[in-house]
Amino acid sequence: MLWEAMRTSLRVLASLVLLTACGDDDDDGTASDDAGVVVEDDGGTAPDTGVVDAGSRPPTTIGGERPATVRIPTDYDASGSYPLVVLLHGYGASGSVQELYFGLRSLVSSRGFVAVIPDGTENSGGDRFWNATAACCDFESTGVDDVAYISGLIDEAVETYAVDPDRVYLLGHSNGGFMSYRMACDASEKITAIASLAGAAHPSESDCGTPTEPTSVLQIHGTEDGTIQYEGAVGYPSAPVSVERFATRAGCGETMTTLDPLDFDSSIDGAETERVETSEGCADGTVYALWTIEAGGHIPTLADGAIGAAVDWLLAH
């Protein structure tokens, strides 16, 4: 069953994150505990309470009773205009685990964006999930409305921070990738582009409904993914089809441009990731891309700059 494969992948992710944490050295001068409270490196350590006083920086959480952690650049300027990246974790993980695995903290300052890092709902087994598609991952049929929740976080972030509402991006892994596609279908007016690592689109094109705006899509997927198969399975399409559906909907041509390969997975020799994309004829300047990790699995051993390249792709569209 898919949920069993997801839980197996979770154990692999936990091991990778533990190894990462042992050698983690954030280069933006901050560290965080499990609750997502930011501690500034200012010669001492003082926890940020999230209370906004005159001259202080914005709060570090939004979302009310279902809070999400927020990261802002170290040189954040309230009079500026920043892109927003919403990070969506995989099944059974959490926002903090996904942030650590992706090394997102340093990118917030080096790329200059605001990040919102929410948690999915816990099921009866204590595994956090997003109610994305029929395949993944509301296995207990709770019906939780994560489209409304993430949409609300985006609205609150735009109201609270110096965020450009025309530059809102989703970065999701596995179940979070499925949820990114769901948002591109059901809340397209809020989303500029999505990047999905090892996720997939809806089971059929009709399940996506009628998005009101086109959304750029980047799918990153390993050909040896044993959890969410590259070639698709019952309940979800292949990685190429996930991208092609959105490209076709945007009126793109059929020709894909081949880009230089990328070293995305450090456990595989060389630049193993083949990249193709199209923007020809696509509505509103949208772009659709597929990065194929040859021999890559569900949880890549991320090479230096791998997630940075995905974030750069998002911010460029």
Protein backbone atom coordinates (compact mmCIF):
# COMPACT_ATOMS: atom_id res chain seq x y z
CA MET A 1 0.00 0.00 0.00
CA LEU A 2 1.08 3.57 -0.65
CA TRP A 3 0.98 4.58 3.02
CA GLU A 4 3.36 1.73 3.89
CA ALA A 5 5.81 2.91 1.23
CA MET A 6 5.47 6.45 2.57
CA ARG A 7 6.31 5.33 6.12
CA THR A 8 9.36 3.41 4.86
CA SER A 9 10.56 6.55 3.07
CA LEU A 10 9.99 8.53 6.25
CA ARG A 11 12.49 6.35 8.11
CA VAL A 12 15.06 7.02 5.38
CA LEU A 13 14.40 10.75 5.59
CA ALA A 14 14.77 10.70 9.37
CA SER A 15 18.19 9.08 9.03
CA LEU A 16 19.32 11.62 6.45
CA VAL A 17 18.10 14.55 8.52
CA LEU A 18 19.87 13.21 11.60
CA LEU A 19 23.13 13.07 9.67
CA THR A 20 22.51 16.58 8.34
CA ALA A 21 21.78 17.94 11.81
CA CYS A 22 25.03 16.55 13.19
CA GLY A 23 26.98 18.71 10.78
CA ASP A 24 24.54 21.53 10.28
CA ASP A 25 25.96 25.04 10.28
CA ASP A 26 23.46 27.65 9.18
CA ASP A 27 25.20 30.49 7.42
CA ASP A 28 22.61 33.13 8.22
CA GLY A 29 23.55 33.35 11.90
CA THR A 30 20.45 31.66 13.27
CA ALA A 31 19.43 28.35 14.74
CA SER A 32 16.09 26.90 15.71
CA ASP A 33 14.60 24.43 18.15
CA ASP A 34 11.87 21.94 17.37
CA ALA A 35 9.15 24.53 18.00
CA GLY A 36 10.46 26.76 15.24
CA VAL A 37 11.47 29.58 17.61
CA VAL A 38 14.26 31.62 16.10
CA VAL A 39 17.37 32.46 18.11
CA GLU A 40 19.46 35.34 16.86
CA ASP A 41 23.25 35.12 16.94
CA ASP A 42 23.92 38.61 18.29
CA GLY A 43 26.76 37.88 20.66
CA GLY A 44 24.34 36.21 23.05
CA THR A 45 21.18 34.22 22.57
CA ALA A 46 17.73 35.68 23.01
CA PRO A 47 14.58 33.91 21.85
CA ASP A 48 12.25 35.75 19.54
CA THR A 49 8.78 35.80 21.10
CA GLY A 50 7.08 36.76 17.86
CA VAL A 51 5.61 39.91 19.44
CA VAL A 52 5.79 42.96 17.21
CA ASP A 53 6.95 46.13 18.97
CA ALA A 54 7.92 49.44 17.43
CA GLY A 55 11.10 48.93 15.45
CA SER A 56 11.14 45.14 15.94
CA ARG A 57 11.07 42.59 13.16
CA PRO A 58 7.83 40.81 12.17
CA PRO A 59 6.47 37.76 13.99
CA THR A 60 8.02 34.34 13.38
CA THR A 61 4.72 32.48 13.18
CA ILE A 62 1.37 32.95 11.47
CA GLY A 63 -1.71 30.75 11.18
CA GLY A 64 -3.42 31.15 14.54
CA GLU A 65 -4.45 27.82 16.06
CA ARG A 66 -2.54 25.95 13.36
CA PRO A 67 0.70 27.93 13.35
CA ALA A 68 3.33 27.93 10.64
CA THR A 69 6.93 29.04 11.08
CA VAL A 70 8.10 32.04 9.07
CA ARG A 71 11.68 32.81 8.04
CA ILE A 72 12.75 36.22 6.77
CA PRO A 73 16.10 37.40 5.36
CA THR A 74 18.61 38.73 7.87
CA ASP A 75 18.52 42.08 6.04
CA TYR A 76 14.72 42.14 5.81
CA ASP A 77 13.34 45.60 4.98
CA ALA A 78 9.65 46.22 5.65
CA SER A 79 9.59 48.70 2.77
CA GLY A 80 10.86 46.08 0.32
CA SER A 81 9.04 43.51 -1.82
CA TYR A 82 9.94 39.86 -1.33
CA PRO A 83 8.95 36.61 -3.02
CA LEU A 84 7.11 34.10 -0.82
CA VAL A 85 8.07 30.41 -0.74
CA VAL A 86 5.75 27.97 1.05
CA LEU A 87 7.53 24.72 1.98
CA LEU A 88 5.31 21.61 2.08
CA HIS A 89 6.78 18.56 3.80
CA GLY A 90 6.39 14.91 2.88
CA TYR A 91 4.08 12.38 4.51
CA GLY A 92 4.96 11.74 8.16
CA ALA A 93 7.59 14.47 8.24
CA SER A 94 7.17 18.04 9.51
CA GLY A 95 7.98 21.53 8.40
CA SER A 96 11.09 21.65 10.57
CA VAL A 97 12.36 18.28 9.30
CA GLN A 98 11.76 19.28 5.67
CA GLU A 99 13.46 22.63 6.23
CA LEU A 100 16.54 20.90 7.61
CA TYR A 101 16.65 18.28 4.85
CA PHE A 102 16.35 20.95 2.15
CA GLY A 103 18.76 23.35 3.88
CA LEU A 104 16.24 26.11 3.27
CA ARG A 105 17.35 28.38 6.11
CA SER A 106 20.45 29.78 4.43
CA LEU A 107 18.62 30.22 1.11
CA VAL A 108 16.13 32.63 2.68
CA SER A 109 18.87 35.22 3.08
CA SER A 110 21.08 34.36 0.11
CA ARG A 111 18.13 34.40 -2.33
CA GLY A 112 16.13 37.05 -0.51
CA PHE A 113 12.66 35.60 0.06
CA VAL A 114 10.18 35.06 2.87
CA ALA A 115 9.51 31.39 3.72
CA VAL A 116 6.39 29.97 5.34
CA ILE A 117 6.84 26.47 6.77
CA PRO A 118 3.59 24.82 7.90
CA ASP A 119 2.78 21.36 9.28
CA GLY A 120 0.16 19.02 7.92
CA THR A 121 -2.53 17.48 10.12
CA GLU A 122 -1.63 14.48 12.29
CA ASN A 123 -3.53 11.26 11.62
CA SER A 124 -4.32 8.62 14.25
CA GLY A 125 -0.83 7.18 13.91
CA GLY A 126 0.82 10.55 14.52
CA ASP A 127 1.90 10.98 10.89
CA ARG A 128 1.47 14.47 9.44
CA PHE A 129 -0.12 14.64 6.01
CA TRP A 130 -1.64 16.92 3.39
CA ASN A 131 -5.06 16.15 1.91
CA ALA A 132 -3.85 16.57 -1.65
CA THR A 133 -5.38 14.05 -4.06
CA ALA A 134 -7.33 10.82 -3.93
CA ALA A 135 -4.01 8.96 -3.93
CA CYS A 136 -2.13 10.95 -1.31
CA CYS A 137 -2.36 11.27 1.57
CA ASP A 138 -5.57 11.56 3.60
CA PHE A 139 -5.61 7.81 4.12
CA GLU A 140 -8.18 8.04 6.94
CA SER A 141 -10.57 10.23 4.90
CA THR A 142 -10.66 13.11 7.38
CA GLY A 143 -11.54 15.58 4.63
CA VAL A 144 -9.34 18.32 6.12
CA ASP A 145 -9.35 21.36 3.81
CA ASP A 146 -5.66 22.03 3.26
CA VAL A 147 -6.36 24.20 0.22
CA ALA A 148 -8.18 26.65 2.49
CA TYR A 149 -5.46 26.39 5.14
CA ILE A 150 -2.53 27.08 2.80
CA SER A 151 -4.50 29.79 0.98
CA GLY A 152 -5.11 31.45 4.34
CA LEU A 153 -1.41 31.30 5.18
CA ILE A 154 -0.57 32.97 1.88
CA ASP A 155 -3.11 35.72 2.50
CA GLU A 156 -1.80 36.28 6.03
CA ALA A 157 1.81 36.36 4.85
CA VAL A 158 0.95 38.99 2.23
CA GLU A 159 -0.79 41.09 4.90
CA THR A 160 1.94 40.67 7.54
CA TYR A 161 5.20 40.85 5.59
CA ALA A 162 6.59 42.79 2.65
CA VAL A 163 5.54 40.04 0.23
CA ASP A 164 4.78 40.49 -3.45
CA PRO A 165 1.44 38.69 -4.04
CA ASP A 166 2.43 38.13 -7.67
CA ARG A 167 5.47 36.06 -6.64
CA VAL A 168 4.14 33.22 -4.52
CA TYR A 169 5.79 29.81 -4.88
CA LEU A 170 5.25 26.31 -3.48
CA LEU A 171 8.11 23.89 -2.89
CA GLY A 172 6.93 20.41 -1.95
CA HIS A 173 8.40 16.96 -1.38
CA SER A 174 6.41 13.75 -1.94
CA ASN A 175 3.00 14.38 -0.28
CA GLY A 176 3.97 18.06 -0.30
CA GLY A 177 4.54 17.80 -4.06
CA PHE A 178 1.06 16.33 -4.49
CA MET A 179 -0.29 19.23 -2.43
CA SER A 180 1.56 21.74 -4.59
CA TYR A 181 -0.22 20.37 -7.66
CA ARG A 182 -3.53 20.52 -5.79
CA MET A 183 -2.95 24.20 -5.04
CA ALA A 184 -2.05 24.88 -8.69
CA CYS A 185 -5.47 23.48 -9.57
CA ASP A 186 -7.70 24.81 -6.79
CA ALA A 187 -5.96 28.09 -5.87
CA SER A 188 -4.14 28.98 -9.08
CA GLU A 189 -4.95 32.68 -8.67
CA LYS A 190 -2.62 32.74 -5.64
CA ILE A 191 0.27 30.64 -7.02
CA THR A 192 2.96 31.78 -9.45
CA ALA A 193 4.91 28.52 -9.74
CA ILE A 194 5.39 25.18 -8.01
CA ALA A 195 8.32 22.80 -7.67
CA SER A 196 7.52 19.19 -6.78
CA LEU A 197 10.17 16.69 -5.74
CA ALA A 198 8.82 13.13 -6.02
CA GLY A 199 5.19 14.21 -6.05
CA ALA A 200 2.56 13.88 -8.78
CA ALA A 201 -0.54 15.51 -10.20
CA HIS A 202 -4.15 14.35 -9.87
CA PRO A 203 -5.16 10.87 -11.08
CA SER A 204 -6.85 12.35 -14.17
CA GLU A 205 -6.79 15.74 -15.82
CA SER A 206 -10.47 16.32 -15.08
CA ASP A 207 -9.75 16.06 -11.34
CA CYS A 208 -7.88 19.35 -11.59
CA GLY A 209 -11.03 21.21 -12.50
CA THR A 210 -10.64 24.57 -14.21
CA PRO A 211 -7.77 26.66 -12.79
CA THR A 212 -8.37 30.37 -13.25
CA GLU A 213 -4.70 31.21 -13.89
CA PRO A 214 -1.79 29.27 -15.44
CA THR A 215 0.95 28.20 -13.02
CA SER A 216 4.54 27.34 -13.94
CA VAL A 217 5.54 23.80 -12.93
CA LEU A 218 8.85 22.10 -12.16
CA GLN A 219 8.77 18.34 -11.51
CA ILE A 220 11.92 16.70 -10.08
CA HIS A 221 11.82 12.92 -9.93
CA GLY A 222 14.12 9.91 -9.66
CA THR A 223 13.71 7.10 -12.17
CA GLU A 224 14.22 4.50 -9.40
CA ASP A 225 11.74 6.02 -6.96
CA GLY A 226 10.12 3.03 -5.26
CA THR A 227 7.54 5.09 -3.36
CA ILE A 228 6.06 7.40 -6.00
CA GLN A 229 7.03 5.78 -9.26
CA TYR A 230 8.50 7.92 -12.03
CA GLU A 231 6.34 6.13 -14.59
CA GLY A 232 3.20 6.55 -12.50
CA ALA A 233 0.87 3.97 -10.94
CA VAL A 234 -2.76 3.49 -10.03
CA GLY A 235 -3.91 6.80 -8.55
CA TYR A 236 -1.33 9.15 -10.03
CA PRO A 237 0.29 9.94 -13.41
CA SER A 238 3.94 9.71 -14.41
CA ALA A 239 6.37 12.56 -13.83
CA PRO A 240 6.36 13.58 -17.53
CA VAL A 241 2.56 13.48 -17.73
CA SER A 242 2.22 15.55 -14.55
CA VAL A 243 4.14 18.34 -16.28
CA GLU A 244 2.63 17.83 -19.74
CA ARG A 245 -0.92 18.29 -18.47
CA PHE A 246 -0.19 21.76 -17.14
CA ALA A 247 1.87 22.70 -20.21
CA THR A 248 -0.93 21.62 -22.54
CA ARG A 249 -3.48 23.51 -20.46
CA ALA A 250 -1.31 26.65 -20.84
CA GLY A 251 -1.22 26.24 -24.63
CA CYS A 252 2.49 25.40 -24.87
CA GLY A 253 4.05 23.83 -27.94
CA GLU A 254 5.21 20.22 -27.90
CA THR A 255 8.93 20.96 -28.25
CA MET A 256 10.99 20.66 -25.06
CA THR A 257 14.39 22.37 -24.80
CA THR A 258 17.22 20.32 -23.33
CA LEU A 259 19.30 22.12 -20.69
CA ASP A 260 22.67 21.21 -19.21
CA PRO A 261 22.49 18.28 -16.78
CA LEU A 262 22.68 18.95 -13.05
CA ASP A 263 24.24 17.16 -10.10
CA PHE A 264 21.18 16.91 -7.85
CA ASP A 265 21.91 13.64 -6.01
CA SER A 266 25.42 13.39 -4.58
CA SER A 267 25.14 9.62 -4.12
CA ILE A 268 25.13 9.19 -7.92
CA ASP A 269 28.30 9.88 -9.89
CA GLY A 270 28.37 12.91 -12.15
CA ALA A 271 25.65 15.27 -13.28
CA GLU A 272 22.93 12.62 -13.27
CA THR A 273 19.87 14.85 -13.60
CA GLU A 274 18.62 15.48 -17.12
CA ARG A 275 16.63 18.67 -17.57
CA VAL A 276 14.09 19.70 -20.20
CA GLU A 277 11.63 22.57 -20.28
CA THR A 278 9.28 24.51 -22.52
CA SER A 279 8.01 28.06 -22.61
CA GLU A 280 7.09 28.15 -26.30
CA GLY A 281 3.58 29.51 -26.71
CA CYS A 282 2.83 29.13 -23.00
CA ALA A 283 0.25 31.50 -21.53
CA ASP A 284 1.38 34.48 -19.46
CA GLY A 285 5.08 33.63 -19.72
CA THR A 286 4.72 30.35 -17.81
CA VAL A 287 7.38 27.63 -18.01
CA TYR A 288 7.10 23.85 -17.57
CA ALA A 289 10.13 21.76 -16.66
CA LEU A 290 11.08 18.18 -15.85
CA TRP A 291 14.29 17.27 -14.04
CA THR A 292 14.87 13.53 -14.23
CA ILE A 293 17.27 12.08 -11.66
CA GLU A 294 18.66 9.04 -13.48
CA ALA A 295 18.78 6.12 -10.98
CA GLY A 296 17.52 8.48 -8.26
CA GLY A 297 15.24 7.39 -5.44
CA HIS A 298 12.41 8.96 -3.46
CA ILE A 299 14.70 10.77 -1.03
CA PRO A 300 17.80 11.96 -2.88
CA THR A 301 21.06 12.59 -1.09
CA LEU A 302 21.00 16.26 -1.99
CA ALA A 303 24.10 17.61 -3.67
CA ASP A 304 25.41 21.05 -2.75
CA GLY A 305 23.26 23.59 -4.52
CA ALA A 306 20.51 21.12 -5.49
CA ILE A 307 17.65 22.82 -3.65
CA GLY A 308 19.21 26.19 -4.39
CA ALA A 309 18.83 25.40 -8.10
CA ALA A 310 15.17 24.49 -7.59
CA VAL A 311 14.54 27.69 -5.64
CA ASP A 312 16.34 29.72 -8.32
CA TRP A 313 14.06 28.14 -10.92
CA LEU A 314 11.00 29.15 -8.94
CA LEU A 315 12.14 32.71 -8.32
CA ALA A 316 12.93 33.17 -12.03
CA HIS A 317 9.29 32.56 -13.03
